[in-house]
Every structure is written in structure tokens, then in C-alpha cells.
Amino acid sequence: MKDVDLRDLCISENYFRQFQSKKTIKITDEQNDLDKLILKIAFIFDLNFECSKKIIKEEKYIERILNRFEFKNEKAINQIREIKTIIKNF
């Protein structure tokens, strides 16, 4: 995701619903760069070992990835906030 501008994008409804269901995301044709990022982050739901999930949560890896980007789209800001909450409670 090098040099990608995500400021004005939001996550597509299909991708966001799949993330909310705490499952890996099925790839569809309707991808923007933010969808691609969320697609990768959703792989946390496919981890088999609790210790892996624990490390990701303790080290806040996903939160740190998401915090690298400055979102200006209000819908995206709310979506990212919800994603952080889902990950925190997963």
C-alpha cells in the first residue's frame, strides 16, 4: 500500500458487511485501494492459533497499520473506527 492515497475513499458495503461478520472477505471486482487494505486485515479472522491473535492484539499491529492513514471521508472514518473496535473485541 505504498504511496496510496486513501483519504477520500470508503470501504465498499459488501466488504464492510463481510468484515463485520468476522470472516475473511470474498474477493469481488468492486475493489478500491481501501477495500484491498481491509481485505488483507480480515485475514486475522482466519488465524488458527489463539497465540497469534493475542500477539496481534497486544502489539496493536492492525491499529498501527490503520493509523498510518488519514481518512477525510466521514463514512470511512466511522467504518475504520468500527473495524478497530471489532479487532479489539475479537
N, C-alpha and C. Protein backbone atom coordinates (compact mmCIF):
# COMPACT_ATOMS: atom_id res chain seq x y z
N MET A 1 0.83 -1.18 0.00
CA MET A 1 0.00 0.00 0.00
C MET A 1 0.88 1.25 0.00
N LYS A 2 2.01 1.14 -0.61
CA LYS A 2 2.96 2.24 -0.64
C LYS A 2 2.44 3.39 -1.48
N ASP A 3 2.52 4.60 -0.93
CA ASP A 3 2.14 5.82 -1.63
C ASP A 3 0.71 5.81 -2.17
N VAL A 4 -0.18 5.19 -1.44
CA VAL A 4 -1.58 5.14 -1.84
C VAL A 4 -2.35 6.18 -1.04
N ASP A 5 -3.18 6.94 -1.73
CA ASP A 5 -3.97 7.97 -1.07
C ASP A 5 -5.38 7.41 -0.80
N LEU A 6 -5.66 7.16 0.48
CA LEU A 6 -6.94 6.59 0.87
C LEU A 6 -7.88 7.62 1.48
N ARG A 7 -7.45 8.87 1.52
CA ARG A 7 -8.18 9.91 2.26
C ARG A 7 -9.65 10.05 1.87
N ASP A 8 -9.94 9.97 0.60
CA ASP A 8 -11.31 10.24 0.13
C ASP A 8 -12.12 8.98 -0.16
N LEU A 9 -11.55 7.83 0.11
CA LEU A 9 -12.24 6.57 -0.16
C LEU A 9 -13.04 6.10 1.04
N CYS A 10 -13.95 5.18 0.80
CA CYS A 10 -14.61 4.48 1.89
C CYS A 10 -14.67 3.00 1.49
N ILE A 11 -14.91 2.17 2.47
CA ILE A 11 -14.95 0.73 2.23
C ILE A 11 -16.29 0.39 1.57
N SER A 12 -16.24 -0.43 0.54
CA SER A 12 -17.49 -0.81 -0.13
C SER A 12 -18.38 -1.56 0.86
N GLU A 13 -19.69 -1.41 0.69
CA GLU A 13 -20.66 -2.01 1.61
C GLU A 13 -20.48 -3.53 1.71
N ASN A 14 -20.26 -4.17 0.59
CA ASN A 14 -20.08 -5.62 0.56
C ASN A 14 -18.89 -6.03 1.43
N TYR A 15 -17.77 -5.37 1.26
CA TYR A 15 -16.56 -5.69 2.02
C TYR A 15 -16.76 -5.38 3.51
N PHE A 16 -17.41 -4.27 3.79
CA PHE A 16 -17.61 -3.88 5.18
C PHE A 16 -18.53 -4.85 5.90
N ARG A 17 -19.60 -5.29 5.26
CA ARG A 17 -20.51 -6.28 5.86
C ARG A 17 -19.79 -7.59 6.15
N GLN A 18 -18.96 -8.02 5.20
CA GLN A 18 -18.22 -9.26 5.42
C GLN A 18 -17.25 -9.11 6.59
N PHE A 19 -16.61 -7.97 6.71
CA PHE A 19 -15.71 -7.75 7.83
C PHE A 19 -16.49 -7.77 9.14
N GLN A 20 -17.65 -7.13 9.16
CA GLN A 20 -18.47 -7.10 10.37
C GLN A 20 -18.89 -8.50 10.82
N SER A 21 -18.99 -9.42 9.87
CA SER A 21 -19.37 -10.79 10.21
C SER A 21 -18.18 -11.60 10.73
N LYS A 22 -17.02 -10.96 10.80
CA LYS A 22 -15.79 -11.56 11.35
C LYS A 22 -15.37 -12.80 10.57
N LYS A 23 -15.39 -12.65 9.25
CA LYS A 23 -14.95 -13.72 8.37
C LYS A 23 -14.01 -13.12 7.33
N THR A 24 -13.21 -13.99 6.72
CA THR A 24 -12.37 -13.48 5.64
C THR A 24 -13.28 -12.97 4.52
N ILE A 25 -12.78 -12.04 3.76
CA ILE A 25 -13.59 -11.37 2.74
C ILE A 25 -13.42 -12.08 1.40
N LYS A 26 -14.54 -12.35 0.77
CA LYS A 26 -14.52 -12.94 -0.57
C LYS A 26 -14.24 -11.83 -1.57
N ILE A 27 -13.29 -12.07 -2.43
CA ILE A 27 -12.88 -11.06 -3.40
C ILE A 27 -13.94 -10.90 -4.49
N THR A 28 -14.28 -9.63 -4.73
CA THR A 28 -15.19 -9.30 -5.84
C THR A 28 -14.47 -8.28 -6.73
N ASP A 29 -15.11 -7.93 -7.82
CA ASP A 29 -14.49 -6.99 -8.75
C ASP A 29 -14.50 -5.55 -8.25
N GLU A 30 -15.40 -5.23 -7.34
CA GLU A 30 -15.56 -3.84 -6.90
C GLU A 30 -14.56 -3.49 -5.79
N GLN A 31 -13.31 -3.34 -6.16
CA GLN A 31 -12.28 -3.04 -5.17
C GLN A 31 -11.66 -1.68 -5.41
N ASN A 32 -11.59 -0.90 -4.35
CA ASN A 32 -10.74 0.28 -4.39
C ASN A 32 -9.56 -0.03 -3.47
N ASP A 33 -8.64 0.89 -3.32
CA ASP A 33 -7.43 0.61 -2.53
C ASP A 33 -7.74 0.39 -1.05
N LEU A 34 -8.75 1.04 -0.53
CA LEU A 34 -9.13 0.82 0.87
C LEU A 34 -9.74 -0.57 1.04
N ASP A 35 -10.54 -1.02 0.07
CA ASP A 35 -11.07 -2.38 0.10
C ASP A 35 -9.93 -3.40 0.14
N LYS A 36 -8.91 -3.15 -0.65
CA LYS A 36 -7.77 -4.08 -0.69
C LYS A 36 -7.06 -4.14 0.65
N LEU A 37 -6.95 -3.02 1.32
CA LEU A 37 -6.32 -2.99 2.65
C LEU A 37 -7.17 -3.78 3.65
N ILE A 38 -8.47 -3.55 3.65
CA ILE A 38 -9.37 -4.24 4.58
C ILE A 38 -9.41 -5.73 4.28
N LEU A 39 -9.33 -6.08 3.02
CA LEU A 39 -9.28 -7.49 2.62
C LEU A 39 -8.11 -8.19 3.30
N LYS A 40 -6.97 -7.53 3.32
CA LYS A 40 -5.77 -8.11 3.95
C LYS A 40 -5.91 -8.18 5.47
N ILE A 41 -6.46 -7.13 6.05
CA ILE A 41 -6.63 -7.10 7.50
C ILE A 41 -7.60 -8.19 7.96
N ALA A 42 -8.59 -8.50 7.15
CA ALA A 42 -9.59 -9.51 7.51
C ALA A 42 -8.99 -10.91 7.64
N PHE A 43 -7.77 -11.11 7.20
CA PHE A 43 -7.15 -12.42 7.36
C PHE A 43 -6.95 -12.78 8.82
N ILE A 44 -7.07 -11.80 9.72
CA ILE A 44 -7.00 -12.11 11.14
C ILE A 44 -8.10 -13.10 11.54
N PHE A 45 -9.21 -13.08 10.83
CA PHE A 45 -10.31 -13.97 11.15
C PHE A 45 -10.05 -15.41 10.72
N ASP A 46 -8.97 -15.62 9.98
CA ASP A 46 -8.62 -16.96 9.51
C ASP A 46 -7.43 -17.54 10.30
N LEU A 47 -6.98 -16.84 11.31
CA LEU A 47 -5.87 -17.36 12.12
C LEU A 47 -6.33 -18.55 12.94
N ASN A 48 -5.48 -19.56 13.02
CA ASN A 48 -5.84 -20.78 13.72
C ASN A 48 -5.37 -20.83 15.16
N PHE A 49 -4.39 -20.03 15.51
CA PHE A 49 -3.81 -20.13 16.84
C PHE A 49 -4.14 -18.90 17.66
N GLU A 50 -4.66 -19.14 18.86
CA GLU A 50 -5.01 -18.04 19.75
C GLU A 50 -3.80 -17.17 20.08
N CYS A 51 -2.63 -17.80 20.17
CA CYS A 51 -1.43 -17.02 20.49
C CYS A 51 -1.13 -16.00 19.38
N SER A 52 -1.42 -16.34 18.15
CA SER A 52 -1.21 -15.40 17.04
C SER A 52 -2.15 -14.20 17.18
N LYS A 53 -3.41 -14.47 17.48
CA LYS A 53 -4.38 -13.39 17.68
C LYS A 53 -3.96 -12.51 18.85
N LYS A 54 -3.50 -13.16 19.91
CA LYS A 54 -3.09 -12.43 21.11
C LYS A 54 -1.95 -11.47 20.81
N ILE A 55 -0.96 -11.94 20.07
CA ILE A 55 0.19 -11.10 19.72
C ILE A 55 -0.25 -9.92 18.86
N ILE A 56 -1.10 -10.17 17.88
CA ILE A 56 -1.57 -9.10 17.00
C ILE A 56 -2.32 -8.05 17.80
N LYS A 57 -3.14 -8.50 18.76
CA LYS A 57 -3.90 -7.55 19.58
C LYS A 57 -2.99 -6.81 20.56
N GLU A 58 -2.11 -7.54 21.23
CA GLU A 58 -1.23 -6.91 22.23
C GLU A 58 -0.31 -5.88 21.59
N GLU A 59 0.21 -6.20 20.44
CA GLU A 59 1.13 -5.29 19.74
C GLU A 59 0.40 -4.23 18.92
N LYS A 60 -0.92 -4.36 18.84
CA LYS A 60 -1.77 -3.41 18.12
C LYS A 60 -1.33 -3.24 16.66
N TYR A 61 -0.96 -4.35 16.04
CA TYR A 61 -0.47 -4.29 14.66
C TYR A 61 -1.49 -3.70 13.70
N ILE A 62 -2.74 -4.14 13.80
CA ILE A 62 -3.75 -3.65 12.86
C ILE A 62 -4.07 -2.19 13.11
N GLU A 63 -4.19 -1.83 14.36
CA GLU A 63 -4.43 -0.43 14.70
C GLU A 63 -3.30 0.45 14.18
N ARG A 64 -2.08 -0.03 14.31
CA ARG A 64 -0.93 0.75 13.83
C ARG A 64 -0.96 0.90 12.31
N ILE A 65 -1.38 -0.15 11.62
CA ILE A 65 -1.50 -0.06 10.16
C ILE A 65 -2.55 0.98 9.78
N LEU A 66 -3.72 0.89 10.41
CA LEU A 66 -4.80 1.81 10.08
C LEU A 66 -4.48 3.25 10.47
N ASN A 67 -3.73 3.42 11.53
CA ASN A 67 -3.37 4.78 11.97
C ASN A 67 -2.36 5.47 11.05
N ARG A 68 -1.78 4.73 10.14
CA ARG A 68 -0.85 5.33 9.17
C ARG A 68 -1.55 6.22 8.17
N PHE A 69 -2.86 6.03 8.03
CA PHE A 69 -3.62 6.73 7.01
C PHE A 69 -4.50 7.80 7.65
N GLU A 70 -4.64 8.90 6.93
CA GLU A 70 -5.51 9.99 7.36
C GLU A 70 -6.76 9.96 6.49
N PHE A 71 -7.88 9.59 7.09
CA PHE A 71 -9.12 9.49 6.35
C PHE A 71 -9.90 10.80 6.49
N LYS A 72 -10.44 11.30 5.38
CA LYS A 72 -11.22 12.53 5.40
C LYS A 72 -12.69 12.26 5.13
N ASN A 73 -12.98 11.13 4.54
CA ASN A 73 -14.36 10.75 4.26
C ASN A 73 -15.00 10.32 5.57
N GLU A 74 -16.08 10.99 5.97
CA GLU A 74 -16.73 10.72 7.27
C GLU A 74 -17.20 9.27 7.38
N LYS A 75 -17.71 8.74 6.30
CA LYS A 75 -18.16 7.34 6.30
C LYS A 75 -16.98 6.41 6.57
N ALA A 76 -15.86 6.66 5.92
CA ALA A 76 -14.66 5.83 6.12
C ALA A 76 -14.15 5.96 7.55
N ILE A 77 -14.18 7.16 8.10
CA ILE A 77 -13.73 7.36 9.49
C ILE A 77 -14.56 6.48 10.43
N ASN A 78 -15.86 6.46 10.23
CA ASN A 78 -16.74 5.63 11.06
C ASN A 78 -16.51 4.14 10.83
N GLN A 79 -16.28 3.76 9.57
CA GLN A 79 -16.01 2.36 9.25
C GLN A 79 -14.71 1.90 9.92
N ILE A 80 -13.68 2.71 9.83
CA ILE A 80 -12.38 2.36 10.42
C ILE A 80 -12.51 2.29 11.94
N ARG A 81 -13.25 3.20 12.52
CA ARG A 81 -13.47 3.17 13.97
C ARG A 81 -14.14 1.85 14.37
N GLU A 82 -15.14 1.43 13.60
CA GLU A 82 -15.82 0.17 13.91
C GLU A 82 -14.90 -1.03 13.71
N ILE A 83 -14.07 -0.99 12.68
CA ILE A 83 -13.12 -2.07 12.44
C ILE A 83 -12.15 -2.20 13.62
N LYS A 84 -11.66 -1.07 14.11
CA LYS A 84 -10.76 -1.12 15.26
C LYS A 84 -11.46 -1.73 16.47
N THR A 85 -12.72 -1.41 16.67
CA THR A 85 -13.49 -1.98 17.78
C THR A 85 -13.69 -3.48 17.60
N ILE A 86 -14.00 -3.90 16.39
CA ILE A 86 -14.19 -5.33 16.10
C ILE A 86 -12.89 -6.08 16.40
N ILE A 87 -11.77 -5.57 15.94
CA ILE A 87 -10.49 -6.22 16.17
C ILE A 87 -10.16 -6.27 17.65
N LYS A 88 -10.41 -5.17 18.33
CA LYS A 88 -10.11 -5.09 19.77
C LYS A 88 -10.93 -6.14 20.54
N ASN A 89 -12.16 -6.37 20.13
CA ASN A 89 -13.04 -7.31 20.83
C ASN A 89 -13.01 -8.71 20.28
N PHE A 90 -12.21 -8.96 19.27
CA PHE A 90 -12.17 -10.28 18.63
C PHE A 90 -11.34 -11.24 19.46
